[in-house]
Protein backbone atom coordinates (compact mmCIF):
# COMPACT_ATOMS: atom_id res chain seq x y z
CA MET A 1 -76.31 37.07 -93.24
CA ASP A 2 -79.35 35.43 -93.65
CA ASP A 3 -78.69 33.50 -96.47
CA THR A 4 -76.56 33.43 -99.49
CA THR A 5 -78.86 35.22 -102.02
CA SER A 6 -75.95 38.60 -101.24
CA VAL A 7 -73.50 36.12 -102.42
CA LYS A 8 -74.96 35.19 -105.61
CA THR A 9 -76.13 38.72 -106.88
CA ARG A 10 -72.73 39.97 -105.21
CA ALA A 11 -69.32 39.26 -105.39
CA ALA A 12 -67.94 37.58 -102.40
CA GLN A 13 -65.39 39.44 -102.26
CA ASP A 14 -67.46 42.28 -101.93
CA GLU A 15 -69.78 41.25 -99.41
CA ILE A 16 -66.52 40.12 -97.08
CA LEU A 17 -65.34 43.91 -97.55
CA ALA A 18 -68.77 45.12 -96.60
CA LEU A 19 -69.46 43.36 -93.16
CA ALA A 20 -65.79 44.68 -92.32
CA ARG A 21 -66.91 47.59 -92.98
CA GLN A 22 -69.67 47.57 -91.66
CA HIS A 23 -68.81 46.20 -88.38
CA GLY A 24 -64.96 47.79 -88.00
CA VAL A 25 -63.17 44.72 -88.28
CA THR A 26 -59.75 43.94 -88.35
CA TYR A 27 -57.76 40.33 -89.02
CA LYS A 28 -55.09 40.45 -86.03
CA PRO A 29 -53.06 37.60 -85.68
CA ILE A 30 -53.57 35.77 -82.05
CA PRO A 31 -51.04 32.81 -81.39
CA LEU A 32 -53.52 30.13 -82.71
CA ASP A 33 -52.28 31.37 -85.92
CA LYS A 34 -48.82 30.77 -85.74
CA LEU A 35 -49.25 26.75 -84.61
CA GLY A 36 -51.78 26.49 -87.92
CA ASP A 37 -49.10 28.17 -90.06
CA ALA A 38 -46.34 25.75 -88.35
CA ILE A 39 -48.66 22.81 -88.49
CA THR A 40 -49.43 23.42 -91.68
CA ARG A 41 -45.81 24.15 -92.76
CA LEU A 42 -45.01 20.42 -91.07
CA ALA A 43 -47.98 18.66 -92.73
CA GLY A 44 -46.04 19.88 -96.20
CA ASP A 45 -49.26 21.86 -97.20
CA GLU A 46 -49.22 24.78 -98.62
CA VAL A 47 -51.89 26.97 -97.16
CA GLU A 48 -51.61 30.60 -97.29
CA LEU A 49 -55.20 32.96 -96.56
CA ASP A 50 -54.92 36.24 -98.51
CA ASP A 51 -56.46 39.58 -96.76
CA THR A 52 -60.35 38.91 -97.76
CA GLU A 53 -59.37 35.22 -96.01
CA ARG A 54 -58.19 37.08 -93.14
CA LEU A 55 -60.86 39.43 -92.89
CA LEU A 56 -63.57 36.49 -92.79
CA LEU A 57 -62.04 34.76 -90.13
CA ALA A 58 -61.83 38.33 -88.21
CA LEU A 59 -65.61 38.91 -88.91
CA GLU A 60 -66.20 35.04 -87.53
CA ARG A 61 -63.56 35.52 -84.84
CA ALA A 62 -65.82 38.03 -83.62
CA GLY A 63 -69.29 37.29 -84.01
CA HIS A 64 -70.17 38.91 -86.79
CA LEU A 65 -70.69 35.36 -89.11
CA SER A 66 -71.96 31.99 -87.42
CA THR A 67 -69.23 29.18 -88.83
CA LYS A 68 -72.06 28.16 -91.42
CA ASP A 69 -72.14 31.33 -93.09
CA ALA A 70 -68.60 31.89 -93.19
CA ASN A 71 -67.63 28.75 -94.73
CA ARG A 72 -70.70 29.53 -96.86
CA LEU A 73 -68.87 32.18 -97.64
CA HIS A 74 -65.76 30.83 -98.21
CA VAL A 75 -66.94 28.46 -100.86
CA ALA A 76 -68.50 31.12 -102.63
CA TYR A 77 -65.03 33.41 -102.45
CA LEU A 78 -62.70 30.48 -103.50
CA ARG A 79 -65.32 29.55 -106.50
CA GLN A 80 -64.87 33.34 -108.13
CA HIS A 81 -61.48 33.76 -107.20
CA ARG A 82 -59.51 30.41 -107.40
CA PRO A 83 -59.81 28.20 -110.94
């Protein structure tokens, strides 16, 4: 993904799902995820990734998205799906 043009013309969720299908990526939790959940809970934060956000994380972990592109897509997704 080179820029955010596709994010502007297509819902970020659609872009994330299409990338996951294209690359055969699914989310599989790793031990570090459980640690992150515990730290978040102990800090009193209520952060819960949905299925689309987990796919985005999996795409980045698999090397199909740079951190910059994953962050850009995540921001677009949050803007489109959360008040």
